[in-house]
Every structure is written in C-alpha cells, then in structure tokens.
C-alpha cells in the first residue's frame, strides 16, 4: 500500500467547496471519482483544507493510500487527462506512511485579491472582488500587522462553526497588504484558520478603509471575541489557498 502526496490547483467557481457532499459537486468528489477509475478501486483522499464554495486554490495538497504501482509521473498525466479544465494536478510523490495532507501541515498561506479599477473586469468576475474605491494599502498593511501573533480569533469565525471547535486560538505568522496597479492583494499565513477567518479579517480591514472600524476595533475584537467589533464577511470568490507548508519543506 502506497501513501501518495498529490498537489493540485483549482478554480472553485463551479464547486460547492472542497469537501465531499451528497447534494453538490465538490472538488474532492471529482478527484475521488477520477482517481478511483484510474486505480480500478475505490479511493478516499484527504485534503489539506476545507475550502468553501467559490474559493480557489493555487496550491492544494491531498493524500491518498492506494494499492497500485502506477508511477507518479503516469498518474499525473492520467489524472490531468480525465479531470475538468478547472482542476489540474501539479505534482505527485510517494510519502511516508504517516503523512496526512491536513494533519501533517505546519501552516498555510491565503491570499485575497481585490480589483479597485473603476469598471469591473468581466473576464475575472469570479476571480477577484471588484471594489471600485480607493484602498489605502499602506494604512491597511500596518493595520494587518495587528493580527500577527497568537490570538483568540473567535470574533473572526462563522458563528455556527465555533460549537465544533476545541479552541479558536490561532497563530498568524505574517499579514501583508500590497498594491500592483489596480490590484490590491492581502496575503496572510498562519498555523491554521477558522471558518471564514480570512474573509472576515479582510472585511475588517476594508471597513477600516471606509471609516466604519478603526485599528482599535481589531484589538477589541481579539481581546473580547465580540463579532460586532470586526467587519463584514466578504465574498468567497477573491480568496485563494496559495501555499501549504510541511516540515520537510523548511521554515515558513
């Protein structure tokens, strides 16, 4: 029995997120279907994260145990030939028996992309949030640094998700906001993320830009866990899982 570590990318627009569902098309469901056909046996895959509907991934890792000797190079070619155009396999390798795409990860990096041009880009409508107003990226970059460190992010989590969590404490390694022309990118890395956490932190920063919140509200939300101190949950389509970090790949 082999344990495979497979890296993929996908455009999440057409999917109800990563995780397999009975009543919706998901990335995991598609991957398991195609991989099971190639292996001629049922295959269960374990993803590094549970991206929501409409969220994209530039680098997503899954692990799967299979009883098949097909070389990784052949598996990559076979999967890419069978997968839809919005999912691509980037690489495959044989991993240690105890490797698990989710539990072996030491951290993840997400980006959120905002298009501030006056007119929306119809060719990227589901790939970035269109926000046709001025964003003060320097102020927001400074404010984003307030999230760095180990904090209780209860105020930055979807309410119904909290009941199933042992803790809402997470560690953020870095949070940067940068502009390239009309595109402003929010980049955040950490040891783990709560449901909607990135989207709410970006929404909070945008509220600061609009004068609806202040930097002090970030501190209050982290100290008290009160959702009202944070900002809105912004749409999913500007969010990307950008990278996943594993111990064998060095420091973040």
Protein backbone atom coordinates (compact mmCIF):
# COMPACT_ATOMS: atom_id res chain seq x y z
CA UNK A 1 0.00 0.00 0.00
CA UNK A 2 1.41 3.38 -1.05
CA UNK A 3 0.71 6.76 0.50
CA UNK A 4 0.57 9.45 -2.18
CA UNK A 5 1.09 13.17 -1.69
CA UNK A 6 -0.56 14.98 -4.60
CA UNK A 7 -0.51 18.72 -5.30
CA UNK A 8 -3.29 20.30 -7.33
CA UNK A 9 -4.71 23.70 -8.22
CA UNK A 10 -8.31 24.52 -8.96
CA UNK A 11 -10.73 27.27 -9.79
CA UNK A 12 -13.52 26.91 -7.25
CA UNK A 13 -16.27 28.78 -9.07
CA UNK A 14 -18.20 25.71 -10.21
CA UNK A 15 -17.86 23.75 -6.95
CA UNK A 16 -19.53 23.62 -3.56
CA UNK A 17 -16.12 23.76 -1.93
CA UNK A 18 -13.55 21.01 -1.44
CA UNK A 19 -15.33 18.62 0.89
CA UNK A 20 -17.44 15.78 -0.48
CA UNK A 21 -21.22 16.39 -0.28
CA UNK A 22 -24.26 14.34 -1.13
CA UNK A 23 -26.11 17.24 -2.73
CA UNK A 24 -23.43 19.20 -4.55
CA UNK A 25 -20.46 18.88 -6.88
CA UNK A 26 -17.20 19.27 -4.97
CA UNK A 27 -13.51 19.14 -5.81
CA UNK A 28 -12.97 16.15 -3.52
CA UNK A 29 -15.84 14.29 -5.15
CA UNK A 30 -14.40 14.86 -8.62
CA UNK A 31 -10.87 13.87 -7.55
CA UNK A 32 -12.04 10.67 -5.84
CA UNK A 33 -14.14 9.68 -8.83
CA UNK A 34 -11.30 10.11 -11.34
CA UNK A 35 -8.66 8.56 -9.09
CA UNK A 36 -10.87 5.55 -8.36
CA UNK A 37 -11.31 4.99 -12.10
CA UNK A 38 -7.56 5.09 -12.67
CA UNK A 39 -6.87 2.73 -9.76
CA UNK A 40 -9.82 0.49 -10.63
CA UNK A 41 -10.75 0.53 -6.93
CA UNK A 42 -12.44 2.97 -4.51
CA UNK A 43 -10.05 5.68 -3.29
CA UNK A 44 -10.58 8.14 -0.45
CA UNK A 45 -8.48 11.31 -0.46
CA UNK A 46 -7.69 13.59 2.46
CA UNK A 47 -7.36 17.29 1.70
CA UNK A 48 -5.12 19.82 3.44
CA UNK A 49 -8.05 22.19 3.97
CA UNK A 50 -11.80 22.59 3.53
CA UNK A 51 -12.20 25.47 1.12
CA UNK A 52 -15.69 26.96 0.83
CA UNK A 53 -17.84 27.23 -2.27
CA UNK A 54 -16.28 29.61 -4.77
CA UNK A 55 -12.83 29.65 -3.13
CA UNK A 56 -9.85 28.86 -5.35
CA UNK A 57 -6.53 27.11 -4.72
CA UNK A 58 -3.19 27.82 -6.34
CA UNK A 59 -1.57 25.04 -4.34
CA UNK A 60 -3.67 22.40 -2.59
CA UNK A 61 -2.37 19.09 -1.28
CA UNK A 62 -4.19 15.83 -0.72
CA UNK A 63 -3.01 12.43 0.46
CA UNK A 64 -4.38 9.05 -0.56
CA UNK A 65 -3.45 5.45 0.19
CA UNK A 66 -3.62 3.24 -2.90
CA UNK A 67 -2.73 -0.32 -3.80
CA UNK A 68 -1.40 0.34 -7.27
CA UNK A 69 2.12 0.55 -8.70
CA UNK A 70 1.44 3.24 -11.33
CA UNK A 71 4.40 5.68 -11.36
CA UNK A 72 3.67 9.18 -10.11
CA UNK A 73 4.52 10.67 -13.49
CA UNK A 74 1.96 8.42 -15.15
CA UNK A 75 -0.62 9.19 -12.50
CA UNK A 76 -0.25 12.93 -13.05
CA UNK A 77 -0.74 12.51 -16.79
CA UNK A 78 -3.72 10.19 -16.36
CA UNK A 79 -5.48 12.45 -13.88
CA UNK A 80 -4.93 15.59 -15.94
CA UNK A 81 -6.36 13.80 -18.97
CA UNK A 82 -9.53 12.92 -17.03
CA UNK A 83 -10.08 16.00 -14.87
CA UNK A 84 -12.17 19.02 -15.93
CA UNK A 85 -10.30 22.10 -17.10
CA UNK A 86 -10.72 23.93 -13.80
CA UNK A 87 -8.74 21.32 -11.82
CA UNK A 88 -5.08 20.50 -12.54
CA UNK A 89 -2.62 18.09 -10.93
CA UNK A 90 0.74 19.83 -10.42
CA UNK A 91 2.74 17.01 -8.88
CA UNK A 92 2.76 13.66 -7.12
CA UNK A 93 5.19 11.84 -4.85
CA UNK A 94 5.31 8.83 -2.58
CA UNK A 95 5.13 9.95 1.04
CA UNK A 96 5.85 8.33 4.37
CA UNK A 97 3.10 6.06 5.72
CA UNK A 98 2.16 8.54 8.45
CA UNK A 99 1.87 11.55 6.14
CA UNK A 100 -1.57 13.17 6.16
CA UNK A 101 -2.26 16.21 3.97
CA UNK A 102 -4.16 18.02 6.72
CA UNK A 103 -2.60 16.87 9.99
CA UNK A 104 1.00 16.95 8.74
CA UNK A 105 0.74 20.56 7.55
CA UNK A 106 2.52 23.13 9.72
CA UNK A 107 0.86 26.12 8.11
CA UNK A 108 -0.99 27.64 5.18
CA UNK A 109 -0.89 30.86 3.22
CA UNK A 110 -4.00 32.51 1.79
CA UNK A 111 -4.35 35.49 -0.49
CA UNK A 112 -7.37 37.67 -1.12
CA UNK A 113 -7.43 39.65 -4.38
CA UNK A 114 -9.28 42.96 -4.76
CA UNK A 115 -9.70 44.79 -8.06
CA UNK A 116 -10.03 48.55 -7.41
CA UNK A 117 -10.44 49.62 -11.05
CA UNK A 118 -13.42 51.92 -11.75
CA UNK A 119 -15.01 49.31 -14.02
CA UNK A 120 -15.25 45.61 -13.29
CA UNK A 121 -13.21 43.14 -15.31
CA UNK A 122 -15.79 40.83 -16.88
CA UNK A 123 -13.08 38.27 -17.65
CA UNK A 124 -12.15 37.93 -13.96
CA UNK A 125 -15.54 38.44 -12.37
CA UNK A 126 -15.28 35.30 -10.21
CA UNK A 127 -11.54 35.60 -9.50
CA UNK A 128 -11.31 38.86 -7.58
CA UNK A 129 -13.56 41.14 -5.55
CA UNK A 130 -14.44 44.25 -7.52
CA UNK A 131 -14.18 47.21 -5.13
CA UNK A 132 -14.16 50.41 -7.25
CA UNK A 133 -12.94 52.69 -4.47
CA UNK A 134 -9.58 53.87 -3.19
CA UNK A 135 -7.84 51.48 -0.82
CA UNK A 136 -5.08 52.94 1.37
CA UNK A 137 -2.86 49.88 1.18
CA UNK A 138 -0.15 51.38 3.40
CA UNK A 139 -2.57 52.03 6.26
CA UNK A 140 -4.17 48.63 5.80
CA UNK A 141 -0.79 46.92 5.73
CA UNK A 142 0.04 48.50 9.10
CA UNK A 143 -3.37 47.52 10.49
CA UNK A 144 -2.99 43.95 9.22
CA UNK A 145 0.12 43.56 11.39
CA UNK A 146 -2.17 43.72 14.46
CA UNK A 147 -3.38 40.22 13.55
CA UNK A 148 0.16 38.78 13.67
CA UNK A 149 0.89 36.59 16.67
CA UNK A 150 -1.11 34.12 18.74
CA UNK A 151 -4.64 35.36 19.44
CA UNK A 152 -8.16 34.16 20.06
CA UNK A 153 -9.90 34.72 16.71
CA UNK A 154 -13.42 33.92 17.96
CA UNK A 155 -14.67 37.24 16.53
CA UNK A 156 -13.39 36.23 13.10
CA UNK A 157 -15.17 32.89 12.76
CA UNK A 158 -18.51 31.82 11.35
CA UNK A 159 -20.74 31.60 14.41
CA UNK A 160 -22.16 28.12 13.85
CA UNK A 161 -18.66 26.68 13.43
CA UNK A 162 -17.47 27.58 16.94
CA UNK A 163 -19.50 24.89 18.70
CA UNK A 164 -17.45 22.18 16.97
CA UNK A 165 -14.03 23.65 17.81
CA UNK A 166 -11.81 22.82 20.76
CA UNK A 167 -10.24 26.28 20.55
CA UNK A 168 -10.44 29.41 18.42
CA UNK A 169 -6.82 30.38 19.17
CA UNK A 170 -4.61 30.56 16.11
CA UNK A 171 -1.15 31.91 15.30
CA UNK A 172 -0.66 34.27 12.37
CA UNK A 173 2.91 34.34 11.05
CA UNK A 174 2.60 37.26 8.63
CA UNK A 175 -0.05 39.53 7.14
CA UNK A 176 0.77 41.89 4.27
CA UNK A 177 -1.24 44.20 2.03
CA UNK A 178 0.30 45.33 -1.26
CA UNK A 179 -0.77 47.07 -4.46
CA UNK A 180 0.13 46.31 -8.07
CA UNK A 181 -1.71 48.74 -10.31
CA UNK A 182 -5.44 48.41 -9.65
CA UNK A 183 -4.97 45.11 -7.80
CA UNK A 184 -4.60 45.04 -4.02
CA UNK A 185 -3.59 41.69 -2.54
CA UNK A 186 -3.98 40.65 1.08
CA UNK A 187 -1.54 37.84 1.99
CA UNK A 188 -1.80 36.01 5.32
CA UNK A 189 -0.01 32.93 6.63
CA UNK A 190 -0.58 31.03 9.85
CA UNK A 191 -0.68 27.69 11.59
CA UNK A 192 -4.38 27.30 10.87
CA UNK A 193 -7.52 29.25 10.02
CA UNK A 194 -11.09 29.24 11.28
CA UNK A 195 -14.15 29.09 9.03
CA UNK A 196 -14.38 32.44 7.18
CA UNK A 197 -11.44 33.83 9.20
CA UNK A 198 -9.51 35.27 6.26
CA UNK A 199 -12.63 36.75 4.67
CA UNK A 200 -13.62 38.45 7.94
CA UNK A 201 -10.14 39.86 8.57
CA UNK A 202 -10.06 41.32 5.06
CA UNK A 203 -13.59 42.63 5.56
CA UNK A 204 -12.45 44.28 8.79
CA UNK A 205 -9.54 45.96 7.02
CA UNK A 206 -11.86 47.23 4.29
CA UNK A 207 -14.19 48.60 6.99
CA UNK A 208 -11.20 50.44 8.45
CA UNK A 209 -10.54 51.89 4.99
CA UNK A 210 -14.18 53.08 4.88
CA UNK A 211 -14.10 54.57 8.39
CA UNK A 212 -16.59 52.01 9.73
CA UNK A 213 -13.99 50.47 12.04
CA UNK A 214 -10.65 51.57 13.48
CA UNK A 215 -7.42 49.83 14.33
CA UNK A 216 -8.58 49.82 17.94
CA UNK A 217 -11.51 47.63 16.91
CA UNK A 218 -9.07 44.91 15.82
CA UNK A 219 -7.57 44.93 19.31
CA UNK A 220 -11.03 44.90 20.91
CA UNK A 221 -12.22 42.01 18.77
CA UNK A 222 -9.14 39.93 19.60
CA UNK A 223 -9.43 40.70 23.32
CA UNK A 224 -13.18 40.18 23.71
CA UNK A 225 -14.22 37.82 20.90
CA UNK A 226 -17.13 40.15 20.11
CA UNK A 227 -18.11 39.75 16.44
CA UNK A 228 -19.51 43.29 16.15
CA UNK A 229 -16.05 44.83 16.55
CA UNK A 230 -14.90 43.04 13.40
CA UNK A 231 -16.00 43.72 9.83
CA UNK A 232 -18.18 42.08 7.24
CA UNK A 233 -17.57 38.63 5.76
CA UNK A 234 -16.58 39.48 2.20
CA UNK A 235 -17.40 37.23 -0.79
CA UNK A 236 -15.55 33.97 -1.39
CA UNK A 237 -14.50 34.49 -4.99
CA UNK A 238 -11.46 36.67 -4.20
CA UNK A 239 -9.95 34.07 -1.86
CA UNK A 240 -7.19 31.61 -2.78
CA UNK A 241 -5.35 28.97 -0.81
CA UNK A 242 -1.91 29.98 -2.04
CA UNK A 243 0.53 27.60 -0.35
CA UNK A 244 0.66 24.76 2.18
CA UNK A 245 3.74 24.25 4.35
CA UNK A 246 5.08 20.90 5.55
CA UNK A 247 8.01 20.23 7.93
CA UNK A 248 10.12 18.63 5.21
CA UNK A 249 9.93 21.83 3.16
CA UNK A 250 11.80 24.03 5.63
CA UNK A 251 10.72 27.02 7.66
CA UNK A 252 7.86 29.29 6.66
